Amino acid sequence: MPWSKDELERIAATDDLHISPLRDDGVTLGTPTWIWSVVADGALYVRGYNGQQSRWYQAAITQKAGRITAAGMTRDVTFEAVEGSVNARIDDAYRAKYKASPYLAPMIAARARAATVRIIDPKTSIFSVIEYAAPPPRFRKLMRVIWS
């Protein structure tokens, strides 16, 4: 299930997103990291300032799940790497939201662009988790119980 329009508008209007991908054990949340976030094409995106070397990025891509806190909301989410033409629209969203920041140029440069992640809100629905095919580990046990 995608983010609601209201949720995306609230997140887009703030600059307070903290991301906590799961650690290597697949259960424990990592330390929350404050990062820039943007909304483009009705989806929520973040980028690693230090590119693919960013620790949170590596954990997000490896574990594909975690938690975010933004705009007064806390959500268990899934993560997917992003490539392709959508990056141009994500660049535009970064320019619009962070135009006054001296850190904008690095965030739309190749290094950060290579570490673009879409954040998906599965709403903890078993059917939504299946739809995105990247269930957080705690749902895997639930899925085995339901289907056994």
C-alpha atoms as a PDB file:
ATOM      1  CA  MET A   1       0.000   0.000   0.000  1.00  0.00           C
ATOM      2  CA  PRO A   2       1.560   3.308  -0.974  1.00  0.00           C
ATOM      3  CA  TRP A   3       1.861   6.349   1.218  1.00  0.00           C
ATOM      4  CA  SER A   4      -1.280   8.456   1.440  1.00  0.00           C
ATOM      5  CA  LYS A   5      -1.223  11.870  -0.212  1.00  0.00           C
ATOM      6  CA  ASP A   6      -1.500  13.518   3.210  1.00  0.00           C
ATOM      7  CA  GLU A   7       1.433  11.542   4.604  1.00  0.00           C
ATOM      8  CA  LEU A   8       3.647  12.411   1.641  1.00  0.00           C
ATOM      9  CA  GLU A   9       2.714  16.098   1.884  1.00  0.00           C
ATOM     10  CA  ARG A  10       3.546  16.125   5.599  1.00  0.00           C
ATOM     11  CA  ILE A  11       6.915  14.454   5.036  1.00  0.00           C
ATOM     12  CA  ALA A  12       7.707  16.678   2.040  1.00  0.00           C
ATOM     13  CA  ALA A  13       7.024  19.792   4.136  1.00  0.00           C
ATOM     14  CA  THR A  14       9.467  18.792   6.888  1.00  0.00           C
ATOM     15  CA  ASP A  15      13.172  18.174   7.134  1.00  0.00           C
ATOM     16  CA  ASP A  16      13.227  15.682   9.982  1.00  0.00           C
ATOM     17  CA  LEU A  17      13.400  12.187   8.495  1.00  0.00           C
ATOM     18  CA  HIS A  18      15.396   9.684  10.538  1.00  0.00           C
ATOM     19  CA  ILE A  19      16.147   6.315   8.979  1.00  0.00           C
ATOM     20  CA  SER A  20      16.958   3.121  10.893  1.00  0.00           C
ATOM     21  CA  PRO A  21      17.586   0.138   8.618  1.00  0.00           C
ATOM     22  CA  LEU A  22      17.756  -3.247  10.296  1.00  0.00           C
ATOM     23  CA  ARG A  23      21.173  -4.452  11.432  1.00  0.00           C
ATOM     24  CA  ASP A  24      22.834  -7.617  10.141  1.00  0.00           C
ATOM     25  CA  ASP A  25      20.834  -9.792  12.546  1.00  0.00           C
ATOM     26  CA  GLY A  26      17.683  -8.813  10.622  1.00  0.00           C
ATOM     27  CA  VAL A  27      15.852  -7.901  13.832  1.00  0.00           C
ATOM     28  CA  THR A  28      17.594  -5.032  15.621  1.00  0.00           C
ATOM     29  CA  LEU A  29      17.054  -1.513  14.292  1.00  0.00           C
ATOM     30  CA  GLY A  30      20.125   0.553  13.539  1.00  0.00           C
ATOM     31  CA  THR A  31      20.832   3.917  15.124  1.00  0.00           C
ATOM     32  CA  PRO A  32      18.507   6.550  13.626  1.00  0.00           C
ATOM     33  CA  THR A  33      20.315   8.693  11.058  1.00  0.00           C
ATOM     34  CA  TRP A  34      18.954  12.087  10.024  1.00  0.00           C
ATOM     35  CA  ILE A  35      18.870  12.399   6.241  1.00  0.00           C
ATOM     36  CA  TRP A  36      17.248  14.556   3.608  1.00  0.00           C
ATOM     37  CA  SER A  37      14.085  13.221   2.033  1.00  0.00           C
ATOM     38  CA  VAL A  38      12.049  14.208  -1.003  1.00  0.00           C
ATOM     39  CA  VAL A  39       8.831  13.210  -2.679  1.00  0.00           C
ATOM     40  CA  ALA A  40       8.798  12.650  -6.440  1.00  0.00           C
ATOM     41  CA  ASP A  41       6.169  10.962  -8.602  1.00  0.00           C
ATOM     42  CA  GLY A  42       4.111  10.121  -5.518  1.00  0.00           C
ATOM     43  CA  ALA A  43       6.914   8.209  -3.791  1.00  0.00           C
ATOM     44  CA  LEU A  44       9.343   8.934  -0.942  1.00  0.00           C
ATOM     45  CA  TYR A  45      13.086   8.939  -1.633  1.00  0.00           C
ATOM     46  CA  VAL A  46      16.336   9.436   0.271  1.00  0.00           C
ATOM     47  CA  ARG A  47      19.983   9.506  -0.782  1.00  0.00           C
ATOM     48  CA  GLY A  48      23.264   8.752   0.895  1.00  0.00           C
ATOM     49  CA  TYR A  49      25.431  11.873   1.075  1.00  0.00           C
ATOM     50  CA  ASN A  50      28.485   9.610   1.123  1.00  0.00           C
ATOM     51  CA  GLY A  51      27.093   7.509  -1.696  1.00  0.00           C
ATOM     52  CA  GLN A  52      26.982   3.738  -1.511  1.00  0.00           C
ATOM     53  CA  GLN A  53      29.595   3.862   1.263  1.00  0.00           C
ATOM     54  CA  SER A  54      26.988   5.319   3.652  1.00  0.00           C
ATOM     55  CA  ARG A  55      26.462   2.758   6.406  1.00  0.00           C
ATOM     56  CA  TRP A  56      22.711   3.292   6.550  1.00  0.00           C
ATOM     57  CA  TYR A  57      22.528   2.819   2.749  1.00  0.00           C
ATOM     58  CA  GLN A  58      24.426  -0.456   2.880  1.00  0.00           C
ATOM     59  CA  ALA A  59      22.149  -1.745   5.653  1.00  0.00           C
ATOM     60  CA  ALA A  60      18.985  -0.583   3.856  1.00  0.00           C
ATOM     61  CA  ILE A  61      19.942  -2.301   0.600  1.00  0.00           C
ATOM     62  CA  THR A  62      21.121  -5.481   2.320  1.00  0.00           C
ATOM     63  CA  GLN A  63      18.276  -5.871   4.823  1.00  0.00           C
ATOM     64  CA  LYS A  64      15.566  -4.194   2.702  1.00  0.00           C
ATOM     65  CA  ALA A  65      13.651  -3.184   5.831  1.00  0.00           C
ATOM     66  CA  GLY A  66      13.744  -0.896   8.823  1.00  0.00           C
ATOM     67  CA  ARG A  67      11.966   2.076  10.344  1.00  0.00           C
ATOM     68  CA  ILE A  68      11.673   5.772   9.647  1.00  0.00           C
ATOM     69  CA  THR A  69      10.446   8.659  11.733  1.00  0.00           C
ATOM     70  CA  ALA A  70       9.285  11.816   9.963  1.00  0.00           C
ATOM     71  CA  ALA A  71       6.636  14.507  10.361  1.00  0.00           C
ATOM     72  CA  GLY A  72       5.509  13.028  13.671  1.00  0.00           C
ATOM     73  CA  MET A  73       5.020   9.551  12.154  1.00  0.00           C
ATOM     74  CA  THR A  74       6.946   6.372  12.817  1.00  0.00           C
ATOM     75  CA  ARG A  75       6.672   3.594  10.229  1.00  0.00           C
ATOM     76  CA  ASP A  76       8.181   0.190   9.656  1.00  0.00           C
ATOM     77  CA  VAL A  77       9.146   0.306   6.008  1.00  0.00           C
ATOM     78  CA  THR A  78      10.884  -1.500   3.208  1.00  0.00           C
ATOM     79  CA  PHE A  79      13.670  -0.126   1.022  1.00  0.00           C
ATOM     80  CA  GLU A  80      14.569  -0.553  -2.615  1.00  0.00           C
ATOM     81  CA  ALA A  81      17.459   0.807  -4.644  1.00  0.00           C
ATOM     82  CA  VAL A  82      16.526   3.231  -7.410  1.00  0.00           C
ATOM     83  CA  GLU A  83      18.056   3.620 -10.852  1.00  0.00           C
ATOM     84  CA  GLY A  84      16.994   5.152 -14.122  1.00  0.00           C
ATOM     85  CA  SER A  85      15.166   8.212 -15.327  1.00  0.00           C
ATOM     86  CA  VAL A  86      13.271   8.797 -12.092  1.00  0.00           C
ATOM     87  CA  ASN A  87      16.566  10.160 -10.713  1.00  0.00           C
ATOM     88  CA  ALA A  88      16.137  13.329 -12.787  1.00  0.00           C
ATOM     89  CA  ARG A  89      12.796  13.999 -11.088  1.00  0.00           C
ATOM     90  CA  ILE A  90      14.326  13.202  -7.707  1.00  0.00           C
ATOM     91  CA  ASP A  91      17.112  15.718  -8.474  1.00  0.00           C
ATOM     92  CA  ASP A  92      14.423  18.312  -9.234  1.00  0.00           C
ATOM     93  CA  ALA A  93      12.709  17.568  -5.914  1.00  0.00           C
ATOM     94  CA  TYR A  94      16.023  18.024  -4.067  1.00  0.00           C
ATOM     95  CA  ARG A  95      16.597  21.334  -5.882  1.00  0.00           C
ATOM     96  CA  ALA A  96      13.132  22.590  -4.948  1.00  0.00           C
ATOM     97  CA  LYS A  97      13.279  21.544  -1.298  1.00  0.00           C
ATOM     98  CA  TYR A  98      16.920  22.299  -0.472  1.00  0.00           C
ATOM     99  CA  LYS A  99      17.753  25.131  -2.899  1.00  0.00           C
ATOM    100  CA  ALA A 100      19.250  27.329  -0.166  1.00  0.00           C
ATOM    101  CA  SER A 101      21.595  24.661   1.206  1.00  0.00           C
ATOM    102  CA  PRO A 102      25.322  24.536   0.417  1.00  0.00           C
ATOM    103  CA  TYR A 103      24.970  20.721   0.534  1.00  0.00           C
ATOM    104  CA  LEU A 104      22.593  20.565  -2.425  1.00  0.00           C
ATOM    105  CA  ALA A 105      25.274  20.081  -5.105  1.00  0.00           C
ATOM    106  CA  PRO A 106      26.681  16.886  -3.532  1.00  0.00           C
ATOM    107  CA  MET A 107      23.158  15.485  -3.080  1.00  0.00           C
ATOM    108  CA  ILE A 108      22.409  15.689  -6.797  1.00  0.00           C
ATOM    109  CA  ALA A 109      25.889  14.586  -7.889  1.00  0.00           C
ATOM    110  CA  ALA A 110      26.736  11.090  -9.128  1.00  0.00           C
ATOM    111  CA  ARG A 111      27.971   9.741  -5.773  1.00  0.00           C
ATOM    112  CA  ALA A 112      24.747  10.465  -3.865  1.00  0.00           C
ATOM    113  CA  ARG A 113      22.589   9.704  -6.906  1.00  0.00           C
ATOM    114  CA  ALA A 114      24.049   6.178  -6.963  1.00  0.00           C
ATOM    115  CA  ALA A 115      22.743   5.739  -3.408  1.00  0.00           C
ATOM    116  CA  THR A 116      19.098   6.639  -4.030  1.00  0.00           C
ATOM    117  CA  VAL A 117      16.553   4.614  -2.075  1.00  0.00           C
ATOM    118  CA  ARG A 118      12.775   4.450  -2.340  1.00  0.00           C
ATOM    119  CA  ILE A 119      11.064   4.094   1.037  1.00  0.00           C
ATOM    120  CA  ILE A 120       7.927   1.987   0.878  1.00  0.00           C
ATOM    121  CA  ASP A 121       5.315   2.011   3.646  1.00  0.00           C
ATOM    122  CA  PRO A 122       3.745  -1.456   3.774  1.00  0.00           C
ATOM    123  CA  LYS A 123       1.299  -0.338   6.497  1.00  0.00           C
ATOM    124  CA  THR A 124       2.126  -3.652   8.213  1.00  0.00           C
ATOM    125  CA  SER A 125      -0.505  -5.379   6.089  1.00  0.00           C
ATOM    126  CA  ILE A 126       0.480  -8.898   5.163  1.00  0.00           C
ATOM    127  CA  PHE A 127      -0.983  -8.349   1.686  1.00  0.00           C
ATOM    128  CA  SER A 128       0.974  -5.131   1.179  1.00  0.00           C
ATOM    129  CA  VAL A 129       4.157  -6.827   2.307  1.00  0.00           C
ATOM    130  CA  ILE A 130       3.599  -9.555  -0.270  1.00  0.00           C
ATOM    131  CA  GLU A 131       2.887  -6.919  -2.929  1.00  0.00           C
ATOM    132  CA  TYR A 132       6.309  -5.324  -2.422  1.00  0.00           C
ATOM    133  CA  ALA A 133       8.087  -8.706  -2.155  1.00  0.00           C
ATOM    134  CA  ALA A 134      10.499  -7.406   0.457  1.00  0.00           C
ATOM    135  CA  PRO A 135       8.957  -8.252   3.833  1.00  0.00           C
ATOM    136  CA  PRO A 136      10.734  -7.149   6.982  1.00  0.00           C
ATOM    137  CA  PRO A 137      12.131 -10.168   8.863  1.00  0.00           C
ATOM    138  CA  ARG A 138       9.542 -10.069  11.652  1.00  0.00           C
ATOM    139  CA  PHE A 139       6.817 -10.572   9.023  1.00  0.00           C
ATOM    140  CA  ARG A 140       8.545 -13.618   7.549  1.00  0.00           C
ATOM    141  CA  LYS A 141       7.713 -15.684  10.629  1.00  0.00           C
ATOM    142  CA  LEU A 142       4.117 -14.434  10.529  1.00  0.00           C
ATOM    143  CA  MET A 143       3.890 -15.350   6.850  1.00  0.00           C
ATOM    144  CA  ARG A 144       5.173 -18.890   7.572  1.00  0.00           C
ATOM    145  CA  VAL A 145       2.556 -19.296  10.331  1.00  0.00           C
ATOM    146  CA  ILE A 146      -0.291 -18.046   8.112  1.00  0.00           C
ATOM    147  CA  TRP A 147       0.625 -20.251   5.162  1.00  0.00           C
ATOM    148  CA  SER A 148       1.523 -23.418   7.047  1.00  0.00           C
END
